[in-house]
């Protein structure tokens, strides 16, 4: 089932939140393709001239099977790992953060084998209840063109990033942004079931999501025994959805780490200062 979600997202007019984000989150952006280029410029004070910035991205809708990545070359850009132009109405949500909320992972011979690379961070090590969300980068290393996810190895007590197609080999010198949200009301694990799947998407039925409030959803595939070899996007059609962008059926048992990012009413996450107050609290 193929849904046209962009119009629904654009027409949704929910209330605005004033909640703060996690300590290391420095910016939220919403960007669109221009129908000409296969990249999108990311312009924000936190990102500009800051190669150390890290990001996770949600495709707002799941009509285009892009393998989204970010890369830095004088400025930060979002790319689709393809020469194809990003459609003018394709929308992406970006959450930018620093080391307070995550880290950058580099694949090496010591931490990578076959289709898996092992993460090493005290916030994740020995913590099966963590809900990391990762995004591939291609600034200096090889592109990561295949669908991936995260998995906790009980044997090693470590989180890993893996290819959904286990015949693919994880390259060396590849980098990922790894977002480590606090385990609180803004993050949860969603599992696709027969009761919440329709065609290529699953409906997020978590009670912490208020469909009338403005927030953006960031999701990452989490392996709990079921592979889902597809890129995913996040949409809204009276409820938030996670869908496979290649239109393949969402498998029962597919699992996702999900982070709810509230939208500030003062425009902070968009880099706007129009509504900011000049009065100190």
Protein backbone atom coordinates (compact mmCIF):
# COMPACT_ATOMS: atom_id res chain seq x y z
CA UNK A 1 0.00 0.00 0.00
CA UNK A 2 1.49 3.32 -1.06
CA UNK A 3 0.38 6.39 0.88
CA UNK A 4 0.84 10.00 -0.16
CA UNK A 5 1.82 11.37 3.22
CA UNK A 6 3.44 14.67 2.29
CA UNK A 7 0.13 16.44 1.88
CA UNK A 8 -1.11 15.07 5.19
CA UNK A 9 2.03 16.25 6.96
CA UNK A 10 1.79 19.69 5.37
CA UNK A 11 -1.91 20.08 6.25
CA UNK A 12 -1.57 18.91 9.83
CA UNK A 13 -1.79 21.95 12.14
CA UNK A 14 -1.12 20.63 15.64
CA UNK A 15 -0.55 22.68 18.77
CA UNK A 16 2.97 23.78 19.60
CA UNK A 17 4.99 22.50 22.52
CA UNK A 18 7.35 24.42 24.74
CA UNK A 19 9.15 21.38 26.17
CA UNK A 20 12.94 21.31 26.18
CA UNK A 21 14.95 18.61 24.43
CA UNK A 22 17.77 16.50 25.76
CA UNK A 23 20.87 18.34 26.93
CA UNK A 24 23.03 17.70 23.87
CA UNK A 25 20.40 18.48 21.24
CA UNK A 26 21.32 21.79 19.63
CA UNK A 27 19.01 22.15 16.63
CA UNK A 28 16.04 20.84 14.72
CA UNK A 29 15.54 21.58 11.05
CA UNK A 30 12.97 20.77 8.41
CA UNK A 31 14.30 20.80 4.84
CA UNK A 32 13.01 19.94 1.37
CA UNK A 33 14.52 18.86 -1.92
CA UNK A 34 14.56 21.19 -4.92
CA UNK A 35 13.84 18.64 -7.63
CA UNK A 36 17.24 19.35 -9.20
CA UNK A 37 20.02 18.28 -6.83
CA UNK A 38 20.61 15.01 -5.00
CA UNK A 39 21.73 16.96 -1.91
CA UNK A 40 20.17 19.54 0.42
CA UNK A 41 22.13 22.31 2.18
CA UNK A 42 21.69 22.27 5.96
CA UNK A 43 21.97 25.85 7.19
CA UNK A 44 21.88 26.42 10.95
CA UNK A 45 24.18 28.30 13.37
CA UNK A 46 25.06 25.08 15.19
CA UNK A 47 25.96 23.26 11.98
CA UNK A 48 27.74 26.01 10.07
CA UNK A 49 31.54 25.68 10.30
CA UNK A 50 31.12 22.77 12.70
CA UNK A 51 32.40 19.47 11.25
CA UNK A 52 32.04 17.87 14.70
CA UNK A 53 28.24 18.21 14.67
CA UNK A 54 26.24 14.99 14.55
CA UNK A 55 22.73 14.35 13.24
CA UNK A 56 19.91 11.89 12.85
CA UNK A 57 17.35 12.28 10.06
CA UNK A 58 13.77 11.19 9.40
CA UNK A 59 12.28 11.13 5.94
CA UNK A 60 8.86 12.72 6.49
CA UNK A 61 6.83 10.30 4.43
CA UNK A 62 7.88 7.11 2.71
CA UNK A 63 7.31 7.65 -0.98
CA UNK A 64 11.01 7.72 -1.97
CA UNK A 65 13.41 4.80 -1.29
CA UNK A 66 16.42 7.00 -0.52
CA UNK A 67 19.46 5.82 1.41
CA UNK A 68 19.84 9.09 3.32
CA UNK A 69 23.21 10.21 4.67
CA UNK A 70 24.92 13.42 5.76
CA UNK A 71 28.34 14.74 4.82
CA UNK A 72 30.47 17.79 5.56
CA UNK A 73 32.39 19.71 2.92
CA UNK A 74 32.68 23.36 4.01
CA UNK A 75 28.97 23.05 4.90
CA UNK A 76 26.77 20.18 6.01
CA UNK A 77 24.54 18.57 3.41
CA UNK A 78 22.00 15.79 3.33
CA UNK A 79 22.42 13.37 0.43
CA UNK A 80 20.47 10.45 -0.99
CA UNK A 81 23.40 8.19 -2.00
CA UNK A 82 22.17 8.44 -5.59
CA UNK A 83 22.56 10.70 -8.60
CA UNK A 84 18.77 11.04 -8.71
CA UNK A 85 17.40 14.46 -7.74
CA UNK A 86 15.53 14.72 -4.45
CA UNK A 87 11.92 15.66 -5.33
CA UNK A 88 10.88 19.22 -4.57
CA UNK A 89 8.23 18.09 -2.11
CA UNK A 90 10.39 15.50 -0.31
CA UNK A 91 10.68 16.61 3.31
CA UNK A 92 13.25 15.62 5.92
CA UNK A 93 13.47 16.28 9.66
CA UNK A 94 16.95 16.73 11.14
CA UNK A 95 17.95 16.56 14.79
CA UNK A 96 21.47 17.88 15.42
CA UNK A 97 23.39 17.18 18.63
CA UNK A 98 26.82 17.20 20.26
CA UNK A 99 28.72 14.74 22.46
CA UNK A 100 26.37 15.28 25.40
CA UNK A 101 23.73 13.27 23.55
CA UNK A 102 25.82 10.96 21.39
CA UNK A 103 29.05 10.16 19.61
CA UNK A 104 30.56 9.46 16.20
CA UNK A 105 31.42 5.85 15.41
CA UNK A 106 34.19 4.83 13.01
CA UNK A 107 34.31 1.29 11.61
CA UNK A 108 37.73 -0.31 12.04
CA UNK A 109 39.28 -3.74 11.71
CA UNK A 110 39.04 -4.08 15.49
CA UNK A 111 35.31 -3.39 15.78
CA UNK A 112 33.94 -4.65 12.46
CA UNK A 113 33.26 -8.15 11.14
CA UNK A 114 31.13 -9.30 8.21
CA UNK A 115 27.89 -7.25 8.26
CA UNK A 116 28.30 -5.90 11.83
CA UNK A 117 30.25 -3.12 13.56
CA UNK A 118 30.35 -2.91 17.38
CA UNK A 119 29.77 0.34 19.26
CA UNK A 120 31.74 1.35 22.35
CA UNK A 121 30.33 4.02 24.65
CA UNK A 122 29.73 3.94 28.42
CA UNK A 123 26.12 5.03 27.93
CA UNK A 124 25.48 1.93 25.82
CA UNK A 125 27.84 -0.74 27.10
CA UNK A 126 26.03 -3.29 29.25
CA UNK A 127 22.75 -1.44 28.71
CA UNK A 128 20.23 -3.55 26.75
CA UNK A 129 17.49 -1.05 27.59
CA UNK A 130 19.19 1.76 25.65
CA UNK A 131 17.48 3.02 22.51
CA UNK A 132 20.22 4.36 20.21
CA UNK A 133 19.35 5.90 16.86
CA UNK A 134 22.07 6.06 14.21
CA UNK A 135 22.65 7.74 10.85
CA UNK A 136 25.29 6.94 8.24
CA UNK A 137 27.71 9.64 7.15
CA UNK A 138 29.93 9.87 4.08
CA UNK A 139 32.21 12.83 4.84
CA UNK A 140 35.52 10.99 4.60
CA UNK A 141 34.68 7.32 4.40
CA UNK A 142 32.75 4.98 2.11
CA UNK A 143 29.02 5.29 1.56
CA UNK A 144 26.67 2.94 3.38
CA UNK A 145 24.07 2.18 0.69
CA UNK A 146 22.20 -0.69 2.35
CA UNK A 147 19.44 -0.70 5.00
CA UNK A 148 20.81 -1.13 8.50
CA UNK A 149 19.70 -1.30 12.12
CA UNK A 150 21.00 -1.65 15.67
CA UNK A 151 21.25 -4.81 17.76
CA UNK A 152 22.30 -5.51 21.34
CA UNK A 153 24.58 -8.52 21.74
CA UNK A 154 23.95 -10.16 25.09
CA UNK A 155 27.13 -12.18 24.63
CA UNK A 156 29.39 -9.11 24.47
CA UNK A 157 27.17 -6.64 26.30
CA UNK A 158 27.58 -4.21 23.39
CA UNK A 159 25.34 -2.49 20.88
CA UNK A 160 26.10 -2.99 17.21
CA UNK A 161 25.12 -1.57 13.83
CA UNK A 162 24.33 -4.24 11.25
CA UNK A 163 23.21 -4.59 7.66
CA UNK A 164 19.69 -6.02 7.31
CA UNK A 165 21.03 -8.10 4.42
CA UNK A 166 23.60 -10.24 6.22
CA UNK A 167 25.38 -11.06 2.93
CA UNK A 168 26.59 -7.44 2.71
CA UNK A 169 30.00 -6.58 4.17
CA UNK A 170 30.27 -3.59 6.49
CA UNK A 171 33.10 -1.42 5.09
CA UNK A 172 36.00 -0.07 7.11
CA UNK A 173 36.49 3.68 7.74
CA UNK A 174 32.75 4.35 7.54
CA UNK A 175 31.23 6.72 10.08
CA UNK A 176 27.88 6.95 11.82
CA UNK A 177 26.30 9.57 14.06
CA UNK A 178 24.96 7.77 17.14
CA UNK A 179 22.24 9.50 19.16
CA UNK A 180 21.79 8.16 22.71
CA UNK A 181 18.54 9.54 24.13
CA UNK A 182 17.65 9.25 27.78
CA UNK A 183 15.25 6.40 28.49
CA UNK A 184 12.24 8.52 29.41
CA UNK A 185 8.82 9.54 28.12
CA UNK A 186 10.33 10.89 24.90
CA UNK A 187 11.65 7.54 23.74
CA UNK A 188 10.16 4.07 23.38
CA UNK A 189 10.41 0.78 21.47
CA UNK A 190 7.75 0.07 18.86
CA UNK A 191 7.07 -3.40 17.49
CA UNK A 192 5.05 -4.06 14.35
CA UNK A 193 2.19 -6.49 14.97
CA UNK A 194 -0.72 -7.86 12.97
CA UNK A 195 -2.93 -5.35 14.75
CA UNK A 196 -0.93 -2.24 13.77
CA UNK A 197 0.38 -3.14 10.29
CA UNK A 198 -1.26 -2.06 7.05
CA UNK A 199 0.72 -2.94 3.91
CA UNK A 200 4.12 -1.28 4.10
CA UNK A 201 3.59 0.67 7.33
CA UNK A 202 2.98 0.23 11.04
CA UNK A 203 0.98 2.64 13.22
CA UNK A 204 2.69 4.03 16.32
CA UNK A 205 0.21 3.40 19.11
CA UNK A 206 2.28 4.55 22.08
CA UNK A 207 0.21 6.57 24.59
CA UNK A 208 3.03 9.11 25.00
CA UNK A 209 2.38 10.42 21.48
CA UNK A 210 -0.31 13.11 21.49
CA UNK A 211 -1.46 13.37 17.88
CA UNK A 212 -2.63 16.95 18.47
CA UNK A 213 0.77 18.27 19.52
CA UNK A 214 3.64 19.28 17.29
CA UNK A 215 6.57 16.94 17.36
CA UNK A 216 8.81 15.08 14.98
CA UNK A 217 9.46 11.37 15.17
CA UNK A 218 12.92 9.85 14.67
CA UNK A 219 13.18 6.08 14.33
CA UNK A 220 15.82 3.41 13.82
CA UNK A 221 15.36 -0.28 13.14
CA UNK A 222 16.14 -2.42 16.21
CA UNK A 223 16.78 -6.14 15.71
CA UNK A 224 14.84 -8.45 18.02
CA UNK A 225 14.75 -11.47 15.74
CA UNK A 226 13.11 -10.14 12.56
CA UNK A 227 14.97 -8.56 9.63
CA UNK A 228 13.40 -5.76 7.59
CA UNK A 229 15.62 -5.14 4.56
CA UNK A 230 14.21 -1.73 3.64
CA UNK A 231 14.82 1.97 4.19
CA UNK A 232 12.20 3.53 6.43
CA UNK A 233 10.39 6.86 6.65
CA UNK A 234 8.08 8.40 9.22
CA UNK A 235 4.69 9.78 8.24
CA UNK A 236 1.52 11.18 9.75
CA UNK A 237 -1.97 10.31 8.63
CA UNK A 238 -4.13 11.01 11.70
CA UNK A 239 -1.55 8.91 13.56
CA UNK A 240 2.22 8.65 13.24
CA UNK A 241 3.47 5.82 11.04
CA UNK A 242 6.75 4.10 10.20
CA UNK A 243 6.84 2.75 6.66
CA UNK A 244 9.13 0.94 4.25
CA UNK A 245 10.06 3.36 1.47
CA UNK A 246 10.39 0.60 -1.14
CA UNK A 247 6.72 -0.29 -0.65
CA UNK A 248 7.60 -3.75 0.67
CA UNK A 249 5.32 -5.30 3.29
CA UNK A 250 6.13 -4.40 6.88
CA UNK A 251 7.00 -7.71 8.58
CA UNK A 252 5.40 -8.73 11.86
CA UNK A 253 7.95 -8.48 14.64
CA UNK A 254 9.98 -5.66 13.08
CA UNK A 255 11.09 -3.42 15.93
CA UNK A 256 12.15 0.23 16.13
CA UNK A 257 13.81 2.62 18.56
CA UNK A 258 11.71 5.80 18.49
CA UNK A 259 12.47 9.31 19.77
CA UNK A 260 9.80 12.01 20.07
CA UNK A 261 11.22 15.50 19.44
CA UNK A 262 8.94 18.37 20.50
CA UNK A 263 8.85 21.49 18.35
CA UNK A 264 9.55 24.76 20.15
CA UNK A 265 7.02 27.52 19.64
CA UNK A 266 9.83 30.10 19.53
CA UNK A 267 11.29 28.65 16.35
CA UNK A 268 14.61 27.68 17.98
CA UNK A 269 14.91 24.36 16.18
CA UNK A 270 14.54 26.10 12.81
CA UNK A 271 17.27 28.63 13.56
CA UNK A 272 14.74 31.48 13.72
CA UNK A 273 15.18 34.29 16.26
CA UNK A 274 11.99 36.18 15.35
CA UNK A 275 10.04 35.05 18.40
CA UNK A 276 12.94 34.99 20.85
CA UNK A 277 12.70 37.24 23.87
CA UNK A 278 15.43 39.78 24.64
CA UNK A 279 14.58 39.60 28.35
CA UNK A 280 16.69 37.32 30.51
CA UNK A 281 14.68 34.90 32.65
